[in-house]
């Protein structure tokens, strides 16, 4: 099988919960100054030393600290910081159309591309937290219109990167007039996106190189991969897939699944319902109400089922790759997984 890329979250969100053990748990308050930069630098340099290929820098404008995340740092500022303290990691910055203009992001991204010798990619996320749009005075549009806006956003950024002369664009949401990027980017732009709805799949087929998927049962993942591949083939394009997974690795399968059963038994149903309400702006994600594992964390990571002994998890990774998964986007808090599974995965 081809080598699988390995990604994790950048350290930009604090006081973030996991819906386990009966309630949401919070980390310590966000550090500041030297404590913050020292912690963040150490974490991303450790990820690079472990052999990870990609770092996803999420953009969160606000979080409740209970249902989703708490304090968060801006993705643009943190990407610049991570660029200064890494040498190999591909930096994937989440960008919300509506909050930014694509022309300005094209310039900013071209600068990052120049600084990092081509280590920057964009993750165009249409947005699902409608409270964030309201807080910042951004028109959220309706669900499918957000994806049309995001499609135009990608067209502008790609067009500006690819142009070797003045770039013009006139759309329903964005425009550019004789735009020039100087310096020009060194390489081609890699576009990631989230979403699993029909509108998201259509946008991926037309515009994106990668789709980030939430964890889920095999049939759900396979269905999205098949539909999105078909959409891309219509446009003569190839699409690749990254799956989010929160591993739970224990010496034996029985120990791992016993811990999962304990966590499921202790879930707070009221908290699960509040989280569902908060993510109501999304379609196709957090949608498998019949899968209890999808409720254990905020991105359905346990539903990817990297659960069991090291050997069983490696077998599970093979199965996911057979479904068409090209990258694992991992929560790396499970110590046994990091110690025994991750090195074997990266060494393949």
C-alpha atoms as a PDB file:
ATOM      1  CA  UNK A   1       0.000   0.000   0.000  1.00  0.00           C
ATOM      2  CA  UNK A   2       1.116   3.635  -0.511  1.00  0.00           C
ATOM      3  CA  UNK A   3       2.627   5.438   2.447  1.00  0.00           C
ATOM      4  CA  UNK A   4      -0.057   6.969   4.647  1.00  0.00           C
ATOM      5  CA  UNK A   5       0.420  10.565   5.746  1.00  0.00           C
ATOM      6  CA  UNK A   6      -0.019  11.367   9.433  1.00  0.00           C
ATOM      7  CA  UNK A   7      -1.455  14.611  10.782  1.00  0.00           C
ATOM      8  CA  UNK A   8      -2.408  16.043  14.153  1.00  0.00           C
ATOM      9  CA  UNK A   9      -3.912  19.214  15.603  1.00  0.00           C
ATOM     10  CA  UNK A  10      -1.653  22.171  16.228  1.00  0.00           C
ATOM     11  CA  UNK A  11      -1.688  23.444  19.824  1.00  0.00           C
ATOM     12  CA  UNK A  12      -4.053  26.373  19.331  1.00  0.00           C
ATOM     13  CA  UNK A  13      -7.098  25.441  21.424  1.00  0.00           C
ATOM     14  CA  UNK A  14      -7.173  25.412  25.214  1.00  0.00           C
ATOM     15  CA  UNK A  15      -9.622  24.271  27.889  1.00  0.00           C
ATOM     16  CA  UNK A  16     -10.980  21.878  25.308  1.00  0.00           C
ATOM     17  CA  UNK A  17     -13.209  19.029  26.432  1.00  0.00           C
ATOM     18  CA  UNK A  18     -13.504  15.376  25.735  1.00  0.00           C
ATOM     19  CA  UNK A  19     -16.993  14.070  26.341  1.00  0.00           C
ATOM     20  CA  UNK A  20     -15.794  11.135  28.409  1.00  0.00           C
ATOM     21  CA  UNK A  21     -15.982  10.008  31.998  1.00  0.00           C
ATOM     22  CA  UNK A  22     -19.449  11.423  32.470  1.00  0.00           C
ATOM     23  CA  UNK A  23     -18.638  15.084  31.850  1.00  0.00           C
ATOM     24  CA  UNK A  24     -16.493  17.446  29.854  1.00  0.00           C
ATOM     25  CA  UNK A  25     -12.986  17.865  31.210  1.00  0.00           C
ATOM     26  CA  UNK A  26     -10.904  20.995  30.811  1.00  0.00           C
ATOM     27  CA  UNK A  27      -7.193  21.611  30.604  1.00  0.00           C
ATOM     28  CA  UNK A  28      -5.408  24.388  32.440  1.00  0.00           C
ATOM     29  CA  UNK A  29      -6.051  27.988  31.336  1.00  0.00           C
ATOM     30  CA  UNK A  30      -4.138  29.208  28.328  1.00  0.00           C
ATOM     31  CA  UNK A  31      -0.545  30.208  29.118  1.00  0.00           C
ATOM     32  CA  UNK A  32       0.833  33.508  27.880  1.00  0.00           C
ATOM     33  CA  UNK A  33       4.123  34.987  26.718  1.00  0.00           C
ATOM     34  CA  UNK A  34       7.189  32.792  27.032  1.00  0.00           C
ATOM     35  CA  UNK A  35       5.184  29.998  28.648  1.00  0.00           C
ATOM     36  CA  UNK A  36       2.872  29.867  25.627  1.00  0.00           C
ATOM     37  CA  UNK A  37       5.559  30.059  22.951  1.00  0.00           C
ATOM     38  CA  UNK A  38       7.764  27.565  24.767  1.00  0.00           C
ATOM     39  CA  UNK A  39       4.940  25.055  25.125  1.00  0.00           C
ATOM     40  CA  UNK A  40       3.744  25.434  21.525  1.00  0.00           C
ATOM     41  CA  UNK A  41       7.274  25.223  20.108  1.00  0.00           C
ATOM     42  CA  UNK A  42       8.058  22.093  22.105  1.00  0.00           C
ATOM     43  CA  UNK A  43       4.867  20.369  20.985  1.00  0.00           C
ATOM     44  CA  UNK A  44       5.255  20.959  17.261  1.00  0.00           C
ATOM     45  CA  UNK A  45       8.945  20.102  17.312  1.00  0.00           C
ATOM     46  CA  UNK A  46       8.046  16.849  19.055  1.00  0.00           C
ATOM     47  CA  UNK A  47       5.494  16.101  16.320  1.00  0.00           C
ATOM     48  CA  UNK A  48       8.148  16.708  13.705  1.00  0.00           C
ATOM     49  CA  UNK A  49      10.621  14.472  15.556  1.00  0.00           C
ATOM     50  CA  UNK A  50       8.003  11.706  15.719  1.00  0.00           C
ATOM     51  CA  UNK A  51       7.817  11.774  11.922  1.00  0.00           C
ATOM     52  CA  UNK A  52       4.411  13.332  11.346  1.00  0.00           C
ATOM     53  CA  UNK A  53       3.884  14.783   7.888  1.00  0.00           C
ATOM     54  CA  UNK A  54       1.182  17.394   8.481  1.00  0.00           C
ATOM     55  CA  UNK A  55      -0.006  19.834  11.131  1.00  0.00           C
ATOM     56  CA  UNK A  56      -3.593  21.145  10.997  1.00  0.00           C
ATOM     57  CA  UNK A  57      -3.981  24.642  12.409  1.00  0.00           C
ATOM     58  CA  UNK A  58      -7.681  24.986  13.233  1.00  0.00           C
ATOM     59  CA  UNK A  59      -9.514  28.306  13.159  1.00  0.00           C
ATOM     60  CA  UNK A  60     -11.889  28.801  16.056  1.00  0.00           C
ATOM     61  CA  UNK A  61     -13.414  32.190  16.724  1.00  0.00           C
ATOM     62  CA  UNK A  62     -15.149  31.274  19.947  1.00  0.00           C
ATOM     63  CA  UNK A  63     -15.918  28.142  21.942  1.00  0.00           C
ATOM     64  CA  UNK A  64     -18.110  27.408  24.911  1.00  0.00           C
ATOM     65  CA  UNK A  65     -15.402  25.382  26.654  1.00  0.00           C
ATOM     66  CA  UNK A  66     -17.988  22.699  27.364  1.00  0.00           C
ATOM     67  CA  UNK A  67     -19.714  21.643  24.149  1.00  0.00           C
ATOM     68  CA  UNK A  68     -16.808  22.358  21.759  1.00  0.00           C
ATOM     69  CA  UNK A  69     -13.586  24.145  22.674  1.00  0.00           C
ATOM     70  CA  UNK A  70     -12.552  26.973  24.940  1.00  0.00           C
ATOM     71  CA  UNK A  71      -9.920  29.647  24.448  1.00  0.00           C
ATOM     72  CA  UNK A  72      -8.320  29.586  21.012  1.00  0.00           C
ATOM     73  CA  UNK A  73      -5.476  31.290  19.186  1.00  0.00           C
ATOM     74  CA  UNK A  74      -5.772  32.741  15.693  1.00  0.00           C
ATOM     75  CA  UNK A  75      -4.798  30.327  12.925  1.00  0.00           C
ATOM     76  CA  UNK A  76      -2.907  32.867  10.821  1.00  0.00           C
ATOM     77  CA  UNK A  77      -0.733  34.128  13.658  1.00  0.00           C
ATOM     78  CA  UNK A  78      -0.014  30.605  14.870  1.00  0.00           C
ATOM     79  CA  UNK A  79       0.830  29.285  11.401  1.00  0.00           C
ATOM     80  CA  UNK A  80       3.478  31.978  11.106  1.00  0.00           C
ATOM     81  CA  UNK A  81       4.842  30.965  14.494  1.00  0.00           C
ATOM     82  CA  UNK A  82       4.893  27.252  13.639  1.00  0.00           C
ATOM     83  CA  UNK A  83       6.668  28.025  10.362  1.00  0.00           C
ATOM     84  CA  UNK A  84       9.486  29.597  12.354  1.00  0.00           C
ATOM     85  CA  UNK A  85      10.108  26.558  14.560  1.00  0.00           C
ATOM     86  CA  UNK A  86       9.646  23.615  12.157  1.00  0.00           C
ATOM     87  CA  UNK A  87      11.593  22.383   9.141  1.00  0.00           C
ATOM     88  CA  UNK A  88       9.569  19.577   7.524  1.00  0.00           C
ATOM     89  CA  UNK A  89       5.937  19.636   8.652  1.00  0.00           C
ATOM     90  CA  UNK A  90       3.372  20.627   6.057  1.00  0.00           C
ATOM     91  CA  UNK A  91       1.335  23.439   7.670  1.00  0.00           C
ATOM     92  CA  UNK A  92      -2.380  23.214   6.835  1.00  0.00           C
ATOM     93  CA  UNK A  93      -4.155  26.417   7.860  1.00  0.00           C
ATOM     94  CA  UNK A  94      -7.926  26.450   8.249  1.00  0.00           C
ATOM     95  CA  UNK A  95      -9.497  29.515   6.611  1.00  0.00           C
ATOM     96  CA  UNK A  96     -13.169  30.512   6.856  1.00  0.00           C
ATOM     97  CA  UNK A  97     -14.483  32.307   3.753  1.00  0.00           C
ATOM     98  CA  UNK A  98     -16.544  35.278   4.859  1.00  0.00           C
ATOM     99  CA  UNK A  99     -14.099  36.128   7.614  1.00  0.00           C
ATOM    100  CA  UNK A 100     -11.272  36.715   5.109  1.00  0.00           C
ATOM    101  CA  UNK A 101     -10.980  37.875   1.508  1.00  0.00           C
ATOM    102  CA  UNK A 102      -9.378  35.335  -0.830  1.00  0.00           C
ATOM    103  CA  UNK A 103      -7.128  37.967  -2.412  1.00  0.00           C
ATOM    104  CA  UNK A 104      -5.551  38.822   0.946  1.00  0.00           C
ATOM    105  CA  UNK A 105      -5.175  35.125   1.841  1.00  0.00           C
ATOM    106  CA  UNK A 106      -3.552  34.488  -1.554  1.00  0.00           C
ATOM    107  CA  UNK A 107      -0.909  37.081  -0.672  1.00  0.00           C
ATOM    108  CA  UNK A 108      -0.485  35.829   2.888  1.00  0.00           C
ATOM    109  CA  UNK A 109      -0.222  32.224   1.699  1.00  0.00           C
ATOM    110  CA  UNK A 110       2.293  33.115  -0.986  1.00  0.00           C
ATOM    111  CA  UNK A 111       4.443  34.682   1.711  1.00  0.00           C
ATOM    112  CA  UNK A 112       4.194  31.525   3.860  1.00  0.00           C
ATOM    113  CA  UNK A 113       5.041  29.434   0.815  1.00  0.00           C
ATOM    114  CA  UNK A 114       8.149  31.547   0.260  1.00  0.00           C
ATOM    115  CA  UNK A 115       9.188  31.408   3.916  1.00  0.00           C
ATOM    116  CA  UNK A 116       8.746  27.639   4.196  1.00  0.00           C
ATOM    117  CA  UNK A 117       9.931  26.513   0.747  1.00  0.00           C
ATOM    118  CA  UNK A 118       6.494  25.157  -0.128  1.00  0.00           C
ATOM    119  CA  UNK A 119       5.325  23.766   3.226  1.00  0.00           C
ATOM    120  CA  UNK A 120       1.981  25.587   3.353  1.00  0.00           C
ATOM    121  CA  UNK A 121      -1.486  24.326   2.382  1.00  0.00           C
ATOM    122  CA  UNK A 122      -4.960  25.764   2.905  1.00  0.00           C
ATOM    123  CA  UNK A 123      -7.943  24.073   4.541  1.00  0.00           C
ATOM    124  CA  UNK A 124     -11.037  25.912   3.303  1.00  0.00           C
ATOM    125  CA  UNK A 125     -13.746  25.391   5.909  1.00  0.00           C
ATOM    126  CA  UNK A 126     -17.195  26.775   5.146  1.00  0.00           C
ATOM    127  CA  UNK A 127     -18.098  26.991   8.843  1.00  0.00           C
ATOM    128  CA  UNK A 128     -20.748  25.392  11.009  1.00  0.00           C
ATOM    129  CA  UNK A 129     -20.759  27.382  14.275  1.00  0.00           C
ATOM    130  CA  UNK A 130     -23.411  29.953  13.416  1.00  0.00           C
ATOM    131  CA  UNK A 131     -22.849  31.849  16.664  1.00  0.00           C
ATOM    132  CA  UNK A 132     -19.335  32.667  15.498  1.00  0.00           C
ATOM    133  CA  UNK A 133     -20.663  34.291  12.324  1.00  0.00           C
ATOM    134  CA  UNK A 134     -23.103  36.390  14.343  1.00  0.00           C
ATOM    135  CA  UNK A 135     -20.451  37.438  16.876  1.00  0.00           C
ATOM    136  CA  UNK A 136     -18.163  38.780  14.172  1.00  0.00           C
ATOM    137  CA  UNK A 137     -20.868  40.338  12.010  1.00  0.00           C
ATOM    138  CA  UNK A 138     -20.337  37.873   9.143  1.00  0.00           C
ATOM    139  CA  UNK A 139     -23.187  36.783   6.894  1.00  0.00           C
ATOM    140  CA  UNK A 140     -23.434  33.032   7.477  1.00  0.00           C
ATOM    141  CA  UNK A 141     -25.626  32.521   4.386  1.00  0.00           C
ATOM    142  CA  UNK A 142     -27.495  29.256   4.187  1.00  0.00           C
ATOM    143  CA  UNK A 143     -25.627  25.958   4.190  1.00  0.00           C
ATOM    144  CA  UNK A 144     -25.279  25.410   0.445  1.00  0.00           C
ATOM    145  CA  UNK A 145     -24.551  29.094  -0.225  1.00  0.00           C
ATOM    146  CA  UNK A 146     -21.624  28.888   2.196  1.00  0.00           C
ATOM    147  CA  UNK A 147     -20.163  26.179  -0.017  1.00  0.00           C
ATOM    148  CA  UNK A 148     -20.741  28.249  -3.156  1.00  0.00           C
ATOM    149  CA  UNK A 149     -18.901  31.098  -1.457  1.00  0.00           C
ATOM    150  CA  UNK A 150     -16.110  28.709  -0.455  1.00  0.00           C
ATOM    151  CA  UNK A 151     -15.859  27.448  -4.040  1.00  0.00           C
ATOM    152  CA  UNK A 152     -15.346  30.982  -5.297  1.00  0.00           C
ATOM    153  CA  UNK A 153     -12.795  31.551  -2.527  1.00  0.00           C
ATOM    154  CA  UNK A 154     -10.736  28.613  -3.812  1.00  0.00           C
ATOM    155  CA  UNK A 155     -11.056  29.811  -7.413  1.00  0.00           C
ATOM    156  CA  UNK A 156      -9.633  33.196  -6.467  1.00  0.00           C
ATOM    157  CA  UNK A 157      -6.746  31.861  -4.372  1.00  0.00           C
ATOM    158  CA  UNK A 158      -5.810  29.233  -6.980  1.00  0.00           C
ATOM    159  CA  UNK A 159      -6.206  31.695  -9.803  1.00  0.00           C
ATOM    160  CA  UNK A 160      -3.961  34.239  -8.123  1.00  0.00           C
ATOM    161  CA  UNK A 161      -1.332  31.564  -7.380  1.00  0.00           C
ATOM    162  CA  UNK A 162      -1.368  30.148 -10.902  1.00  0.00           C
ATOM    163  CA  UNK A 163      -1.478  33.429 -12.802  1.00  0.00           C
ATOM    164  CA  UNK A 164       1.714  34.608 -14.440  1.00  0.00           C
ATOM    165  CA  UNK A 165       0.210  37.986 -15.202  1.00  0.00           C
ATOM    166  CA  UNK A 166      -2.641  40.158 -13.889  1.00  0.00           C
ATOM    167  CA  UNK A 167      -5.481  38.048 -12.481  1.00  0.00           C
ATOM    168  CA  UNK A 168      -9.108  39.140 -12.851  1.00  0.00           C
ATOM    169  CA  UNK A 169     -12.146  37.549 -11.271  1.00  0.00           C
ATOM    170  CA  UNK A 170     -15.797  38.474 -10.978  1.00  0.00           C
ATOM    171  CA  UNK A 171     -18.133  36.234  -9.002  1.00  0.00           C
ATOM    172  CA  UNK A 172     -21.206  36.426  -6.827  1.00  0.00           C
ATOM    173  CA  UNK A 173     -19.124  36.787  -3.663  1.00  0.00           C
ATOM    174  CA  UNK A 174     -15.610  37.879  -4.644  1.00  0.00           C
ATOM    175  CA  UNK A 175     -13.753  39.942  -7.209  1.00  0.00           C
ATOM    176  CA  UNK A 176     -10.150  40.639  -8.211  1.00  0.00           C
ATOM    177  CA  UNK A 177      -8.880  43.294 -10.588  1.00  0.00           C
ATOM    178  CA  UNK A 178      -5.459  42.893 -12.217  1.00  0.00           C
ATOM    179  CA  UNK A 179      -4.186  41.128  -9.083  1.00  0.00           C
ATOM    180  CA  UNK A 180      -0.486  40.308  -9.048  1.00  0.00           C
ATOM    181  CA  UNK A 181       1.355  38.309  -6.384  1.00  0.00           C
ATOM    182  CA  UNK A 182       4.978  39.255  -5.887  1.00  0.00           C
ATOM    183  CA  UNK A 183       6.855  37.221  -4.979  1.00  0.00           C
ATOM    184  CA  UNK A 184       5.020  34.468  -6.772  1.00  0.00           C
ATOM    185  CA  UNK A 185       4.487  31.188  -4.906  1.00  0.00           C
ATOM    186  CA  UNK A 186       7.112  28.522  -5.420  1.00  0.00           C
ATOM    187  CA  UNK A 187       4.762  25.584  -5.947  1.00  0.00           C
ATOM    188  CA  UNK A 188       1.184  24.504  -6.563  1.00  0.00           C
ATOM    189  CA  UNK A 189      -1.454  25.160  -3.941  1.00  0.00           C
ATOM    190  CA  UNK A 190      -2.808  22.093  -2.112  1.00  0.00           C
ATOM    191  CA  UNK A 191      -6.417  22.635  -1.039  1.00  0.00           C
ATOM    192  CA  UNK A 192      -7.957  20.724   1.860  1.00  0.00           C
ATOM    193  CA  UNK A 193     -11.563  21.022   2.958  1.00  0.00           C
ATOM    194  CA  UNK A 194     -13.966  19.639   5.525  1.00  0.00           C
ATOM    195  CA  UNK A 195     -17.636  18.757   5.266  1.00  0.00           C
ATOM    196  CA  UNK A 196     -19.493  15.615   4.275  1.00  0.00           C
ATOM    197  CA  UNK A 197     -22.767  16.971   2.860  1.00  0.00           C
ATOM    198  CA  UNK A 198     -23.824  16.848  -0.786  1.00  0.00           C
ATOM    199  CA  UNK A 199     -22.677  20.467  -1.190  1.00  0.00           C
ATOM    200  CA  UNK A 200     -19.311  19.649   0.379  1.00  0.00           C
ATOM    201  CA  UNK A 201     -18.813  16.665  -1.909  1.00  0.00           C
ATOM    202  CA  UNK A 202     -19.677  18.746  -4.967  1.00  0.00           C
ATOM    203  CA  UNK A 203     -17.170  21.424  -3.948  1.00  0.00           C
ATOM    204  CA  UNK A 204     -14.481  18.816  -3.293  1.00  0.00           C
ATOM    205  CA  UNK A 205     -15.002  17.241  -6.674  1.00  0.00           C
ATOM    206  CA  UNK A 206     -14.640  20.553  -8.467  1.00  0.00           C
ATOM    207  CA  UNK A 207     -12.018  22.360  -6.389  1.00  0.00           C
ATOM    208  CA  UNK A 208     -10.179  20.483  -3.617  1.00  0.00           C
ATOM    209  CA  UNK A 209      -7.280  18.049  -3.383  1.00  0.00           C
ATOM    210  CA  UNK A 210      -8.106  16.580   0.036  1.00  0.00           C
ATOM    211  CA  UNK A 211     -11.206  16.033   2.179  1.00  0.00           C
ATOM    212  CA  UNK A 212     -11.003  15.884   5.969  1.00  0.00           C
ATOM    213  CA  UNK A 213     -13.599  13.379   7.201  1.00  0.00           C
ATOM    214  CA  UNK A 214     -14.909  12.807  10.694  1.00  0.00           C
ATOM    215  CA  UNK A 215     -14.572   9.312  12.091  1.00  0.00           C
ATOM    216  CA  UNK A 216     -17.381   6.866  11.423  1.00  0.00           C
ATOM    217  CA  UNK A 217     -18.443   3.348  10.598  1.00  0.00           C
ATOM    218  CA  UNK A 218     -16.856   1.790   7.519  1.00  0.00           C
ATOM    219  CA  UNK A 219     -20.030   1.969   5.451  1.00  0.00           C
ATOM    220  CA  UNK A 220     -20.402   5.682   6.147  1.00  0.00           C
ATOM    221  CA  UNK A 221     -16.770   6.436   5.285  1.00  0.00           C
ATOM    222  CA  UNK A 222     -16.864   4.258   2.162  1.00  0.00           C
ATOM    223  CA  UNK A 223     -20.023   5.976   0.927  1.00  0.00           C
ATOM    224  CA  UNK A 224     -18.492   9.448   1.209  1.00  0.00           C
ATOM    225  CA  UNK A 225     -15.235   8.344  -0.428  1.00  0.00           C
ATOM    226  CA  UNK A 226     -17.086   6.707  -3.333  1.00  0.00           C
ATOM    227  CA  UNK A 227     -19.358   9.696  -3.956  1.00  0.00           C
ATOM    228  CA  UNK A 228     -16.561  12.240  -3.670  1.00  0.00           C
ATOM    229  CA  UNK A 229     -14.257  10.267  -5.961  1.00  0.00           C
ATOM    230  CA  UNK A 230     -17.042  10.135  -8.535  1.00  0.00           C
ATOM    231  CA  UNK A 231     -17.581  13.888  -8.250  1.00  0.00           C
ATOM    232  CA  UNK A 232     -13.859  14.507  -8.791  1.00  0.00           C
ATOM    233  CA  UNK A 233     -13.696  12.131 -11.747  1.00  0.00           C
ATOM    234  CA  UNK A 234     -16.434  14.165 -13.453  1.00  0.00           C
ATOM    235  CA  UNK A 235     -13.965  17.060 -13.519  1.00  0.00           C
ATOM    236  CA  UNK A 236     -10.965  14.911 -14.429  1.00  0.00           C
ATOM    237  CA  UNK A 237      -9.490  15.298 -10.971  1.00  0.00           C
ATOM    238  CA  UNK A 238      -8.130  13.042  -8.213  1.00  0.00           C
ATOM    239  CA  UNK A 239      -9.257  13.512  -4.620  1.00  0.00           C
ATOM    240  CA  UNK A 240      -7.597  12.170  -1.481  1.00  0.00           C
ATOM    241  CA  UNK A 241      -9.000  11.649   2.007  1.00  0.00           C
ATOM    242  CA  UNK A 242      -7.912  12.256   5.595  1.00  0.00           C
ATOM    243  CA  UNK A 243      -9.843  10.641   8.449  1.00  0.00           C
ATOM    244  CA  UNK A 244      -9.955  11.939  11.995  1.00  0.00           C
ATOM    245  CA  UNK A 245      -9.282   9.313  14.665  1.00  0.00           C
ATOM    246  CA  UNK A 246      -8.867   9.355  18.433  1.00  0.00           C
ATOM    247  CA  UNK A 247      -6.988   6.135  19.287  1.00  0.00           C
ATOM    248  CA  UNK A 248      -7.506   4.181  22.484  1.00  0.00           C
ATOM    249  CA  UNK A 249      -4.665   1.688  22.748  1.00  0.00           C
ATOM    250  CA  UNK A 250      -4.309  -0.815  25.590  1.00  0.00           C
ATOM    251  CA  UNK A 251      -2.258  -4.015  25.965  1.00  0.00           C
ATOM    252  CA  UNK A 252      -5.261  -6.132  24.959  1.00  0.00           C
ATOM    253  CA  UNK A 253      -8.425  -5.618  22.939  1.00  0.00           C
ATOM    254  CA  UNK A 254     -10.524  -6.560  25.936  1.00  0.00           C
ATOM    255  CA  UNK A 255      -8.994  -3.840  28.097  1.00  0.00           C
ATOM    256  CA  UNK A 256      -9.510  -1.217  25.417  1.00  0.00           C
ATOM    257  CA  UNK A 257     -13.149  -2.046  24.745  1.00  0.00           C
ATOM    258  CA  UNK A 258     -13.895  -2.331  28.459  1.00  0.00           C
ATOM    259  CA  UNK A 259     -12.687   1.251  28.841  1.00  0.00           C
ATOM    260  CA  UNK A 260     -14.863   2.341  25.931  1.00  0.00           C
ATOM    261  CA  UNK A 261     -17.882   0.663  27.545  1.00  0.00           C
ATOM    262  CA  UNK A 262     -17.163   2.515  30.788  1.00  0.00           C
ATOM    263  CA  UNK A 263     -16.962   5.856  28.979  1.00  0.00           C
ATOM    264  CA  UNK A 264     -20.191   5.204  27.109  1.00  0.00           C
ATOM    265  CA  UNK A 265     -21.979   4.338  30.331  1.00  0.00           C
ATOM    266  CA  UNK A 266     -20.859   7.609  31.903  1.00  0.00           C
ATOM    267  CA  UNK A 267     -21.838   9.943  29.049  1.00  0.00           C
ATOM    268  CA  UNK A 268     -24.027  12.875  30.055  1.00  0.00           C
ATOM    269  CA  UNK A 269     -26.997  12.802  27.619  1.00  0.00           C
ATOM    270  CA  UNK A 270     -27.759  16.470  28.243  1.00  0.00           C
ATOM    271  CA  UNK A 271     -24.243  17.465  27.237  1.00  0.00           C
ATOM    272  CA  UNK A 272     -24.475  15.386  24.067  1.00  0.00           C
ATOM    273  CA  UNK A 273     -27.718  17.128  23.140  1.00  0.00           C
ATOM    274  CA  UNK A 274     -26.251  20.582  23.749  1.00  0.00           C
ATOM    275  CA  UNK A 275     -23.343  19.765  21.487  1.00  0.00           C
ATOM    276  CA  UNK A 276     -25.696  18.553  18.757  1.00  0.00           C
ATOM    277  CA  UNK A 277     -27.557  21.840  18.941  1.00  0.00           C
ATOM    278  CA  UNK A 278     -24.350  23.855  18.698  1.00  0.00           C
ATOM    279  CA  UNK A 279     -23.193  22.080  15.539  1.00  0.00           C
ATOM    280  CA  UNK A 280     -26.580  22.396  13.890  1.00  0.00           C
ATOM    281  CA  UNK A 281     -25.079  24.513  11.097  1.00  0.00           C
ATOM    282  CA  UNK A 282     -23.350  21.424   9.701  1.00  0.00           C
ATOM    283  CA  UNK A 283     -24.887  18.804   7.444  1.00  0.00           C
ATOM    284  CA  UNK A 284     -23.451  15.334   6.993  1.00  0.00           C
ATOM    285  CA  UNK A 285     -21.082  15.614   9.971  1.00  0.00           C
ATOM    286  CA  UNK A 286     -21.936  14.429  13.483  1.00  0.00           C
ATOM    287  CA  UNK A 287     -24.796  12.724  11.695  1.00  0.00           C
ATOM    288  CA  UNK A 288     -24.618   9.079  12.780  1.00  0.00           C
ATOM    289  CA  UNK A 289     -26.913   9.171  15.791  1.00  0.00           C
ATOM    290  CA  UNK A 290     -27.000   5.369  15.860  1.00  0.00           C
ATOM    291  CA  UNK A 291     -23.252   5.095  16.464  1.00  0.00           C
ATOM    292  CA  UNK A 292     -22.646   5.595  20.197  1.00  0.00           C
ATOM    293  CA  UNK A 293     -18.892   6.034  19.654  1.00  0.00           C
ATOM    294  CA  UNK A 294     -19.577   9.255  17.747  1.00  0.00           C
ATOM    295  CA  UNK A 295     -20.606  10.934  21.015  1.00  0.00           C
ATOM    296  CA  UNK A 296     -17.370  10.354  22.925  1.00  0.00           C
ATOM    297  CA  UNK A 297     -15.526  13.366  21.521  1.00  0.00           C
ATOM    298  CA  UNK A 298     -16.271  16.452  19.478  1.00  0.00           C
ATOM    299  CA  UNK A 299     -15.078  15.192  16.072  1.00  0.00           C
ATOM    300  CA  UNK A 300     -16.260  11.571  16.191  1.00  0.00           C
ATOM    301  CA  UNK A 301     -12.685  10.410  16.538  1.00  0.00           C
ATOM    302  CA  UNK A 302     -13.474   7.264  18.520  1.00  0.00           C
ATOM    303  CA  UNK A 303     -15.948   6.274  15.801  1.00  0.00           C
ATOM    304  CA  UNK A 304     -12.913   5.621  13.574  1.00  0.00           C
ATOM    305  CA  UNK A 305     -12.380   2.629  15.865  1.00  0.00           C
ATOM    306  CA  UNK A 306      -8.631   2.729  16.415  1.00  0.00           C
ATOM    307  CA  UNK A 307      -9.411   0.823  19.585  1.00  0.00           C
ATOM    308  CA  UNK A 308      -7.632  -2.240  20.918  1.00  0.00           C
ATOM    309  CA  UNK A 309      -4.135  -3.660  21.204  1.00  0.00           C
ATOM    310  CA  UNK A 310      -1.281  -2.239  19.116  1.00  0.00           C
ATOM    311  CA  UNK A 311      -1.552  -5.129  16.663  1.00  0.00           C
ATOM    312  CA  UNK A 312      -5.309  -4.740  16.305  1.00  0.00           C
ATOM    313  CA  UNK A 313      -5.032  -1.008  15.710  1.00  0.00           C
ATOM    314  CA  UNK A 314      -2.464  -1.551  12.960  1.00  0.00           C
ATOM    315  CA  UNK A 315      -4.855  -4.019  11.329  1.00  0.00           C
ATOM    316  CA  UNK A 316      -7.601  -1.421  11.622  1.00  0.00           C
ATOM    317  CA  UNK A 317      -5.393   1.168   9.933  1.00  0.00           C
ATOM    318  CA  UNK A 318      -4.871  -1.249   7.038  1.00  0.00           C
ATOM    319  CA  UNK A 319      -8.643  -1.599   6.738  1.00  0.00           C
ATOM    320  CA  UNK A 320      -9.101   2.176   6.665  1.00  0.00           C
ATOM    321  CA  UNK A 321      -6.451   2.503   3.977  1.00  0.00           C
ATOM    322  CA  UNK A 322      -8.295  -0.109   1.937  1.00  0.00           C
ATOM    323  CA  UNK A 323     -11.393   2.105   2.172  1.00  0.00           C
ATOM    324  CA  UNK A 324      -9.444   4.894   0.507  1.00  0.00           C
ATOM    325  CA  UNK A 325      -8.004   6.807   3.444  1.00  0.00           C
ATOM    326  CA  UNK A 326      -4.684   8.437   2.522  1.00  0.00           C
ATOM    327  CA  UNK A 327      -3.996  10.313   5.759  1.00  0.00           C
ATOM    328  CA  UNK A 328      -4.818   9.790   9.423  1.00  0.00           C
ATOM    329  CA  UNK A 329      -5.602  12.968  11.341  1.00  0.00           C
ATOM    330  CA  UNK A 330      -4.866  11.837  14.883  1.00  0.00           C
ATOM    331  CA  UNK A 331      -5.469  12.873  18.447  1.00  0.00           C
ATOM    332  CA  UNK A 332      -2.105  11.997  19.989  1.00  0.00           C
ATOM    333  CA  UNK A 333      -2.965  11.935  23.691  1.00  0.00           C
ATOM    334  CA  UNK A 334      -2.964   8.139  23.994  1.00  0.00           C
ATOM    335  CA  UNK A 335       0.514   7.296  25.286  1.00  0.00           C
ATOM    336  CA  UNK A 336       0.605   3.623  24.307  1.00  0.00           C
ATOM    337  CA  UNK A 337      -0.525   4.473  20.774  1.00  0.00           C
ATOM    338  CA  UNK A 338       2.244   7.060  20.428  1.00  0.00           C
ATOM    339  CA  UNK A 339       4.840   4.694  21.889  1.00  0.00           C
ATOM    340  CA  UNK A 340       3.999   1.488  20.010  1.00  0.00           C
ATOM    341  CA  UNK A 341       1.643   2.120  17.082  1.00  0.00           C
ATOM    342  CA  UNK A 342       2.738   5.465  15.697  1.00  0.00           C
ATOM    343  CA  UNK A 343       6.387   4.423  15.049  1.00  0.00           C
ATOM    344  CA  UNK A 344       5.206   1.317  13.190  1.00  0.00           C
ATOM    345  CA  UNK A 345       2.766   3.376  11.146  1.00  0.00           C
ATOM    346  CA  UNK A 346       5.355   5.988  10.185  1.00  0.00           C
ATOM    347  CA  UNK A 347       8.004   3.346   9.398  1.00  0.00           C
ATOM    348  CA  UNK A 348       5.856   1.689   6.729  1.00  0.00           C
END
